[in-house]
Structures are given as C-alpha cells and as structure tokens.
Amino acid sequence: RETRARSFLLLEFPVGCWFCETPEPTGLVSV
C-alpha cells in the first residue's frame, strides 16, 4: 500500500484493480 518505495512491479500496461486485472506472468517485472 506504500506510495514511496525502492521495490515495486513494472507492468506493460497499468491496471485499475489488481485482483480483477492481474497481468499474466510475462507481463510484469519485479524492480
């Protein structure tokens, strides 16, 4: 829930609801 972080995910396209619109595994990168 943080708004500032050193680690996050990078997505090809943004999502509105993570539970409803989770990308496939190849569509995200851990940063």
PDB file of all heavy atoms in Angstrom:
ATOM      1  N   ARG A   1       0.815  -1.218   0.000  1.00  0.00           N
ATOM      2  CA  ARG A   1       0.000   0.000   0.000  1.00  0.00           C
ATOM      3  C   ARG A   1       0.849   1.270   0.000  1.00  0.00           C
ATOM      4  O   ARG A   1       0.314   2.379   0.078  1.00  0.00           O
ATOM      5  CB  ARG A   1      -0.926   0.014   1.227  1.00  0.00           C
ATOM      6  CG  ARG A   1      -1.956  -1.114   1.226  1.00  0.00           C
ATOM      7  CD  ARG A   1      -2.835  -1.049   2.459  1.00  0.00           C
ATOM      8  NE  ARG A   1      -3.858  -2.084   2.448  1.00  0.00           N
ATOM      9  CZ  ARG A   1      -5.030  -1.964   1.857  1.00  0.00           C
ATOM     10  NH1 ARG A   1      -5.339  -0.848   1.227  1.00  0.00           N
ATOM     11  NH2 ARG A   1      -5.906  -2.952   1.885  1.00  0.00           N
ATOM     12  N   GLU A   2       2.166   1.112  -0.049  1.00  0.00           N
ATOM     13  CA  GLU A   2       3.040   2.276   0.059  1.00  0.00           C
ATOM     14  C   GLU A   2       2.930   3.176  -1.176  1.00  0.00           C
ATOM     15  O   GLU A   2       2.585   2.713  -2.272  1.00  0.00           O
ATOM     16  CB  GLU A   2       4.499   1.836   0.237  1.00  0.00           C
ATOM     17  CG  GLU A   2       5.098   1.134  -0.981  1.00  0.00           C
ATOM     18  CD  GLU A   2       4.817  -0.361  -1.023  1.00  0.00           C
ATOM     19  OE1 GLU A   2       4.018  -0.835  -0.204  1.00  0.00           O
ATOM     20  OE2 GLU A   2       5.396  -1.045  -1.884  1.00  0.00           O
ATOM     21  N   THR A   3       3.210   4.442  -0.970  1.00  0.00           N
ATOM     22  CA  THR A   3       3.231   5.398  -2.075  1.00  0.00           C
ATOM     23  C   THR A   3       4.662   5.755  -2.465  1.00  0.00           C
ATOM     24  O   THR A   3       4.887   6.398  -3.486  1.00  0.00           O
ATOM     25  CB  THR A   3       2.477   6.685  -1.699  1.00  0.00           C
ATOM     26  OG1 THR A   3       3.090   7.262  -0.536  1.00  0.00           O
ATOM     27  CG2 THR A   3       1.006   6.385  -1.412  1.00  0.00           C
ATOM     28  N   ARG A   4       5.605   5.349  -1.633  1.00  0.00           N
ATOM     29  CA  ARG A   4       7.023   5.569  -1.918  1.00  0.00           C
ATOM     30  C   ARG A   4       7.761   4.267  -1.620  1.00  0.00           C
ATOM     31  O   ARG A   4       7.536   3.641  -0.585  1.00  0.00           O
ATOM     32  CB  ARG A   4       7.567   6.718  -1.067  1.00  0.00           C
ATOM     33  CG  ARG A   4       8.979   7.142  -1.429  1.00  0.00           C
ATOM     34  CD  ARG A   4       9.431   8.348  -0.640  1.00  0.00           C
ATOM     35  NE  ARG A   4      10.774   8.737  -1.048  1.00  0.00           N
ATOM     36  CZ  ARG A   4      11.040   9.527  -2.091  1.00  0.00           C
ATOM     37  NH1 ARG A   4      10.034  10.038  -2.790  1.00  0.00           N
ATOM     38  NH2 ARG A   4      12.282   9.829  -2.430  1.00  0.00           N
ATOM     39  N   ALA A   5       8.631   3.829  -2.523  1.00  0.00           N
ATOM     40  CA  ALA A   5       9.255   2.526  -2.333  1.00  0.00           C
ATOM     41  C   ALA A   5      10.540   2.411  -3.143  1.00  0.00           C
ATOM     42  O   ALA A   5      10.779   3.168  -4.093  1.00  0.00           O
ATOM     43  CB  ALA A   5       8.294   1.415  -2.740  1.00  0.00           C
ATOM     44  N   ARG A   6      11.347   1.426  -2.743  1.00  0.00           N
ATOM     45  CA  ARG A   6      12.536   1.089  -3.512  1.00  0.00           C
ATOM     46  C   ARG A   6      12.266  -0.110  -4.413  1.00  0.00           C
ATOM     47  O   ARG A   6      12.900  -0.297  -5.444  1.00  0.00           O
ATOM     48  CB  ARG A   6      13.685   0.773  -2.557  1.00  0.00           C
ATOM     49  CG  ARG A   6      14.978   0.404  -3.274  1.00  0.00           C
ATOM     50  CD  ARG A   6      16.035  -0.069  -2.300  1.00  0.00           C
ATOM     51  NE  ARG A   6      17.079  -0.811  -2.991  1.00  0.00           N
ATOM     52  CZ  ARG A   6      17.860  -1.697  -2.425  1.00  0.00           C
ATOM     53  NH1 ARG A   6      17.713  -1.984  -1.147  1.00  0.00           N
ATOM     54  NH2 ARG A   6      18.779  -2.320  -3.127  1.00  0.00           N
ATOM     55  N   SER A   7      11.286  -0.943  -4.019  1.00  0.00           N
ATOM     56  CA  SER A   7      10.915  -2.130  -4.798  1.00  0.00           C
ATOM     57  C   SER A   7       9.461  -2.039  -5.229  1.00  0.00           C
ATOM     58  O   SER A   7       8.601  -1.627  -4.437  1.00  0.00           O
ATOM     59  CB  SER A   7      11.136  -3.403  -3.967  1.00  0.00           C
ATOM     60  OG  SER A   7      12.490  -3.543  -3.598  1.00  0.00           O
ATOM     61  N   PHE A   8       9.175  -2.428  -6.440  1.00  0.00           N
ATOM     62  CA  PHE A   8       7.822  -2.378  -6.985  1.00  0.00           C
ATOM     63  C   PHE A   8       7.777  -3.263  -8.218  1.00  0.00           C
ATOM     64  O   PHE A   8       8.787  -3.860  -8.618  1.00  0.00           O
ATOM     65  CB  PHE A   8       7.417  -0.937  -7.322  1.00  0.00           C
ATOM     66  CG  PHE A   8       8.414  -0.205  -8.178  1.00  0.00           C
ATOM     67  CD1 PHE A   8       8.372  -0.287  -9.566  1.00  0.00           C
ATOM     68  CD2 PHE A   8       9.430   0.551  -7.588  1.00  0.00           C
ATOM     69  CE1 PHE A   8       9.293   0.380 -10.347  1.00  0.00           C
ATOM     70  CE2 PHE A   8      10.372   1.212  -8.368  1.00  0.00           C
ATOM     71  CZ  PHE A   8      10.313   1.132  -9.742  1.00  0.00           C
ATOM     72  N   LEU A   9       6.615  -3.366  -8.838  1.00  0.00           N
ATOM     73  CA  LEU A   9       6.469  -4.103 -10.084  1.00  0.00           C
ATOM     74  C   LEU A   9       6.375  -3.126 -11.246  1.00  0.00           C
ATOM     75  O   LEU A   9       5.862  -2.014 -11.098  1.00  0.00           O
ATOM     76  CB  LEU A   9       5.215  -4.977 -10.046  1.00  0.00           C
ATOM     77  CG  LEU A   9       5.168  -6.061  -8.971  1.00  0.00           C
ATOM     78  CD1 LEU A   9       3.840  -6.800  -9.038  1.00  0.00           C
ATOM     79  CD2 LEU A   9       6.328  -7.027  -9.113  1.00  0.00           C
ATOM     80  N   LEU A  10       6.875  -3.550 -12.393  1.00  0.00           N
ATOM     81  CA  LEU A  10       6.736  -2.775 -13.625  1.00  0.00           C
ATOM     82  C   LEU A  10       5.840  -3.564 -14.568  1.00  0.00           C
ATOM     83  O   LEU A  10       6.075  -4.759 -14.808  1.00  0.00           O
ATOM     84  CB  LEU A  10       8.096  -2.526 -14.270  1.00  0.00           C
ATOM     85  CG  LEU A  10       8.092  -1.478 -15.396  1.00  0.00           C
ATOM     86  CD1 LEU A  10       7.903  -0.078 -14.821  1.00  0.00           C
ATOM     87  CD2 LEU A  10       9.391  -1.540 -16.202  1.00  0.00           C
ATOM     88  N   LEU A  11       4.806  -2.908 -15.105  1.00  0.00           N
ATOM     89  CA  LEU A  11       3.838  -3.566 -15.983  1.00  0.00           C
ATOM     90  C   LEU A  11       3.896  -2.967 -17.380  1.00  0.00           C
ATOM     91  O   LEU A  11       4.231  -1.791 -17.560  1.00  0.00           O
ATOM     92  CB  LEU A  11       2.420  -3.406 -15.433  1.00  0.00           C
ATOM     93  CG  LEU A  11       2.180  -3.692 -13.951  1.00  0.00           C
ATOM     94  CD1 LEU A  11       0.707  -3.543 -13.641  1.00  0.00           C
ATOM     95  CD2 LEU A  11       2.671  -5.067 -13.576  1.00  0.00           C
ATOM     96  N   GLU A  12       3.503  -3.774 -18.359  1.00  0.00           N
ATOM     97  CA  GLU A  12       3.409  -3.261 -19.731  1.00  0.00           C
ATOM     98  C   GLU A  12       2.315  -2.225 -19.837  1.00  0.00           C
ATOM     99  O   GLU A  12       2.460  -1.205 -20.510  1.00  0.00           O
ATOM    100  CB  GLU A  12       3.137  -4.410 -20.707  1.00  0.00           C
ATOM    101  CG  GLU A  12       3.046  -3.983 -22.150  1.00  0.00           C
ATOM    102  CD  GLU A  12       2.767  -5.128 -23.090  1.00  0.00           C
ATOM    103  OE1 GLU A  12       2.511  -6.258 -22.608  1.00  0.00           O
ATOM    104  OE2 GLU A  12       2.801  -4.900 -24.320  1.00  0.00           O
ATOM    105  N   PHE A  13       1.190  -2.478 -19.161  1.00  0.00           N
ATOM    106  CA  PHE A  13       0.062  -1.562 -19.141  1.00  0.00           C
ATOM    107  C   PHE A  13      -0.433  -1.443 -17.704  1.00  0.00           C
ATOM    108  O   PHE A  13      -0.358  -2.401 -16.935  1.00  0.00           O
ATOM    109  CB  PHE A  13      -1.079  -2.061 -20.044  1.00  0.00           C
ATOM    110  CG  PHE A  13      -0.717  -2.112 -21.494  1.00  0.00           C
ATOM    111  CD1 PHE A  13      -0.288  -3.304 -22.072  1.00  0.00           C
ATOM    112  CD2 PHE A  13      -0.776  -0.984 -22.281  1.00  0.00           C
ATOM    113  CE1 PHE A  13       0.062  -3.365 -23.412  1.00  0.00           C
ATOM    114  CE2 PHE A  13      -0.427  -1.026 -23.627  1.00  0.00           C
ATOM    115  CZ  PHE A  13      -0.011  -2.215 -24.186  1.00  0.00           C
ATOM    116  N   PRO A  14      -0.955  -0.277 -17.305  1.00  0.00           N
ATOM    117  CA  PRO A  14      -1.428  -0.113 -15.927  1.00  0.00           C
ATOM    118  C   PRO A  14      -2.702  -0.911 -15.680  1.00  0.00           C
ATOM    119  O   PRO A  14      -3.425  -1.264 -16.609  1.00  0.00           O
ATOM    120  CB  PRO A  14      -1.702   1.399 -15.827  1.00  0.00           C
ATOM    121  CG  PRO A  14      -1.985   1.822 -17.234  1.00  0.00           C
ATOM    122  CD  PRO A  14      -1.134   0.945 -18.108  1.00  0.00           C
ATOM    123  N   VAL A  15      -2.991  -1.206 -14.407  1.00  0.00           N
ATOM    124  CA  VAL A  15      -4.221  -1.895 -14.028  1.00  0.00           C
ATOM    125  C   VAL A  15      -4.989  -1.016 -13.059  1.00  0.00           C
ATOM    126  O   VAL A  15      -4.415  -0.205 -12.333  1.00  0.00           O
ATOM    127  CB  VAL A  15      -3.943  -3.274 -13.377  1.00  0.00           C
ATOM    128  CG1 VAL A  15      -3.176  -4.167 -14.317  1.00  0.00           C
ATOM    129  CG2 VAL A  15      -3.192  -3.123 -12.063  1.00  0.00           C
ATOM    130  N   GLY A  16      -6.315  -1.177 -13.061  1.00  0.00           N
ATOM    131  CA  GLY A  16      -7.152  -0.437 -12.134  1.00  0.00           C
ATOM    132  C   GLY A  16      -7.342  -1.190 -10.832  1.00  0.00           C
ATOM    133  O   GLY A  16      -7.213  -0.642  -9.746  1.00  0.00           O
ATOM    134  N   CYS A  17      -7.620  -2.487 -10.925  1.00  0.00           N
ATOM    135  CA  CYS A  17      -7.839  -3.330  -9.755  1.00  0.00           C
ATOM    136  C   CYS A  17      -6.944  -4.551  -9.879  1.00  0.00           C
ATOM    137  O   CYS A  17      -7.091  -5.350 -10.804  1.00  0.00           O
ATOM    138  CB  CYS A  17      -9.309  -3.744  -9.659  1.00  0.00           C
ATOM    139  SG  CYS A  17      -9.628  -4.989  -8.388  1.00  0.00           S
ATOM    140  N   TRP A  18      -5.988  -4.703  -8.950  1.00  0.00           N
ATOM    141  CA  TRP A  18      -5.023  -5.794  -9.049  1.00  0.00           C
ATOM    142  C   TRP A  18      -5.689  -7.157  -8.990  1.00  0.00           C
ATOM    143  O   TRP A  18      -5.268  -8.102  -9.638  1.00  0.00           O
ATOM    144  CB  TRP A  18      -3.982  -5.667  -7.942  1.00  0.00           C
ATOM    145  CG  TRP A  18      -2.897  -6.686  -8.049  1.00  0.00           C
ATOM    146  CD1 TRP A  18      -2.732  -7.800  -7.297  1.00  0.00           C
ATOM    147  CD2 TRP A  18      -1.823  -6.701  -8.999  1.00  0.00           C
ATOM    148  NE1 TRP A  18      -1.619  -8.512  -7.698  1.00  0.00           N
ATOM    149  CE2 TRP A  18      -1.040  -7.858  -8.746  1.00  0.00           C
ATOM    150  CE3 TRP A  18      -1.444  -5.842 -10.043  1.00  0.00           C
ATOM    151  CZ2 TRP A  18       0.083  -8.165  -9.494  1.00  0.00           C
ATOM    152  CZ3 TRP A  18      -0.328  -6.168 -10.778  1.00  0.00           C
ATOM    153  CH2 TRP A  18       0.426  -7.312 -10.509  1.00  0.00           C
ATOM    154  N   PHE A  19      -6.757  -7.286  -8.207  1.00  0.00           N
ATOM    155  CA  PHE A  19      -7.426  -8.572  -8.062  1.00  0.00           C
ATOM    156  C   PHE A  19      -8.207  -8.936  -9.325  1.00  0.00           C
ATOM    157  O   PHE A  19      -8.311 -10.099  -9.691  1.00  0.00           O
ATOM    158  CB  PHE A  19      -8.369  -8.552  -6.855  1.00  0.00           C
ATOM    159  CG  PHE A  19      -7.643  -8.401  -5.555  1.00  0.00           C
ATOM    160  CD1 PHE A  19      -7.467  -7.147  -4.986  1.00  0.00           C
ATOM    161  CD2 PHE A  19      -7.118  -9.502  -4.899  1.00  0.00           C
ATOM    162  CE1 PHE A  19      -6.788  -7.002  -3.784  1.00  0.00           C
ATOM    163  CE2 PHE A  19      -6.442  -9.368  -3.701  1.00  0.00           C
ATOM    164  CZ  PHE A  19      -6.271  -8.105  -3.140  1.00  0.00           C
ATOM    165  N   CYS A  20      -8.763  -7.926  -9.990  1.00  0.00           N
ATOM    166  CA  CYS A  20      -9.613  -8.183 -11.154  1.00  0.00           C
ATOM    167  C   CYS A  20      -8.834  -8.185 -12.471  1.00  0.00           C
ATOM    168  O   CYS A  20      -9.294  -8.752 -13.450  1.00  0.00           O
ATOM    169  CB  CYS A  20     -10.726  -7.132 -11.239  1.00  0.00           C
ATOM    170  SG  CYS A  20     -11.738  -7.002  -9.760  1.00  0.00           S
ATOM    171  N   GLU A  21      -7.674  -7.515 -12.512  1.00  0.00           N
ATOM    172  CA  GLU A  21      -6.978  -7.295 -13.779  1.00  0.00           C
ATOM    173  C   GLU A  21      -5.523  -7.739 -13.718  1.00  0.00           C
ATOM    174  O   GLU A  21      -4.671  -7.176 -14.382  1.00  0.00           O
ATOM    175  CB  GLU A  21      -7.039  -5.812 -14.158  1.00  0.00           C
ATOM    176  CG  GLU A  21      -8.443  -5.237 -14.228  1.00  0.00           C
ATOM    177  CD  GLU A  21      -8.422  -3.733 -14.461  1.00  0.00           C
ATOM    178  OE1 GLU A  21      -7.616  -3.266 -15.278  1.00  0.00           O
ATOM    179  OE2 GLU A  21      -9.206  -3.022 -13.820  1.00  0.00           O
ATOM    180  N   THR A  22      -5.220  -8.746 -12.924  1.00  0.00           N
ATOM    181  CA  THR A  22      -3.838  -9.196 -12.772  1.00  0.00           C
ATOM    182  C   THR A  22      -3.244  -9.600 -14.118  1.00  0.00           C
ATOM    183  O   THR A  22      -3.813 -10.429 -14.821  1.00  0.00           O
ATOM    184  CB  THR A  22      -3.768 -10.392 -11.815  1.00  0.00           C
ATOM    185  OG1 THR A  22      -4.421 -10.043 -10.607  1.00  0.00           O
ATOM    186  CG2 THR A  22      -2.322 -10.755 -11.524  1.00  0.00           C
ATOM    187  N   PRO A  23      -2.078  -9.053 -14.495  1.00  0.00           N
ATOM    188  CA  PRO A  23      -1.456  -9.440 -15.761  1.00  0.00           C
ATOM    189  C   PRO A  23      -0.939 -10.874 -15.702  1.00  0.00           C
ATOM    190  O   PRO A  23      -0.737 -11.449 -14.630  1.00  0.00           O
ATOM    191  CB  PRO A  23      -0.288  -8.455 -15.898  1.00  0.00           C
ATOM    192  CG  PRO A  23      -0.535  -7.386 -14.892  1.00  0.00           C
ATOM    193  CD  PRO A  23      -1.327  -8.014 -13.795  1.00  0.00           C
ATOM    194  N   GLU A  24      -0.680 -11.454 -16.869  1.00  0.00           N
ATOM    195  CA  GLU A  24      -0.039 -12.749 -16.926  1.00  0.00           C
ATOM    196  C   GLU A  24       1.408 -12.614 -16.456  1.00  0.00           C
ATOM    197  O   GLU A  24       1.961 -11.513 -16.441  1.00  0.00           O
ATOM    198  CB  GLU A  24      -0.095 -13.335 -18.338  1.00  0.00           C
ATOM    199  CG  GLU A  24       0.437 -12.449 -19.427  1.00  0.00           C
ATOM    200  CD  GLU A  24      -0.655 -11.612 -20.070  1.00  0.00           C
ATOM    201  OE1 GLU A  24      -1.605 -11.217 -19.375  1.00  0.00           O
ATOM    202  OE2 GLU A  24      -0.536 -11.358 -21.281  1.00  0.00           O
ATOM    203  N   PRO A  25       2.069 -13.701 -16.055  1.00  0.00           N
ATOM    204  CA  PRO A  25       3.431 -13.608 -15.505  1.00  0.00           C
ATOM    205  C   PRO A  25       4.437 -12.948 -16.435  1.00  0.00           C
ATOM    206  O   PRO A  25       5.392 -12.336 -15.973  1.00  0.00           O
ATOM    207  CB  PRO A  25       3.802 -15.073 -15.251  1.00  0.00           C
ATOM    208  CG  PRO A  25       2.509 -15.773 -15.084  1.00  0.00           C
ATOM    209  CD  PRO A  25       1.540 -15.078 -15.996  1.00  0.00           C
ATOM    210  N   THR A  26       4.237 -13.078 -17.744  1.00  0.00           N
ATOM    211  CA  THR A  26       5.180 -12.478 -18.691  1.00  0.00           C
ATOM    212  C   THR A  26       4.935 -10.988 -18.880  1.00  0.00           C
ATOM    213  O   THR A  26       5.670 -10.335 -19.610  1.00  0.00           O
ATOM    214  CB  THR A  26       5.081 -13.184 -20.056  1.00  0.00           C
ATOM    215  OG1 THR A  26       3.727 -13.101 -20.526  1.00  0.00           O
ATOM    216  CG2 THR A  26       5.484 -14.640 -19.944  1.00  0.00           C
ATOM    217  N   GLY A  27       3.906 -10.451 -18.237  1.00  0.00           N
ATOM    218  CA  GLY A  27       3.558  -9.046 -18.404  1.00  0.00           C
ATOM    219  C   GLY A  27       3.945  -8.175 -17.234  1.00  0.00           C
ATOM    220  O   GLY A  27       3.425  -7.066 -17.090  1.00  0.00           O
ATOM    221  N   LEU A  28       4.876  -8.666 -16.378  1.00  0.00           N
ATOM    222  CA  LEU A  28       5.334  -7.854 -15.253  1.00  0.00           C
ATOM    223  C   LEU A  28       6.776  -8.185 -14.899  1.00  0.00           C
ATOM    224  O   LEU A  28       7.262  -9.288 -15.159  1.00  0.00           O
ATOM    225  CB  LEU A  28       4.420  -8.029 -14.041  1.00  0.00           C
ATOM    226  CG  LEU A  28       4.053  -9.443 -13.587  1.00  0.00           C
ATOM    227  CD1 LEU A  28       5.126  -9.996 -12.673  1.00  0.00           C
ATOM    228  CD2 LEU A  28       2.709  -9.435 -12.870  1.00  0.00           C
ATOM    229  N   VAL A  29       7.476  -7.213 -14.331  1.00  0.00           N
ATOM    230  CA  VAL A  29       8.878  -7.344 -13.935  1.00  0.00           C
ATOM    231  C   VAL A  29       9.013  -6.810 -12.512  1.00  0.00           C
ATOM    232  O   VAL A  29       8.518  -5.728 -12.199  1.00  0.00           O
ATOM    233  CB  VAL A  29       9.813  -6.564 -14.884  1.00  0.00           C
ATOM    234  CG1 VAL A  29      11.257  -6.604 -14.388  1.00  0.00           C
ATOM    235  CG2 VAL A  29       9.724  -7.116 -16.304  1.00  0.00           C
ATOM    236  N   SER A  30       9.695  -7.573 -11.656  1.00  0.00           N
ATOM    237  CA  SER A  30       9.987  -7.122 -10.298  1.00  0.00           C
ATOM    238  C   SER A  30      11.202  -6.200 -10.335  1.00  0.00           C
ATOM    239  O   SER A  30      12.243  -6.567 -10.900  1.00  0.00           O
ATOM    240  CB  SER A  30      10.255  -8.324  -9.390  1.00  0.00           C
ATOM    241  OG  SER A  30      10.654  -7.910  -8.102  1.00  0.00           O
ATOM    242  N   VAL A  31      11.078  -5.011  -9.755  1.00  0.00           N
ATOM    243  CA  VAL A  31      12.129  -3.997  -9.833  1.00  0.00           C
ATOM    244  C   VAL A  31      12.695  -3.702  -8.444  1.00  0.00           C
ATOM    245  O   VAL A  31      11.939  -3.507  -7.488  1.00  0.00           O
ATOM    246  CB  VAL A  31      11.591  -2.685 -10.451  1.00  0.00           C
ATOM    247  CG1 VAL A  31      12.679  -1.613 -10.462  1.00  0.00           C
ATOM    248  CG2 VAL A  31      11.074  -2.930 -11.862  1.00  0.00           C
TER     249      VAL A  31
END
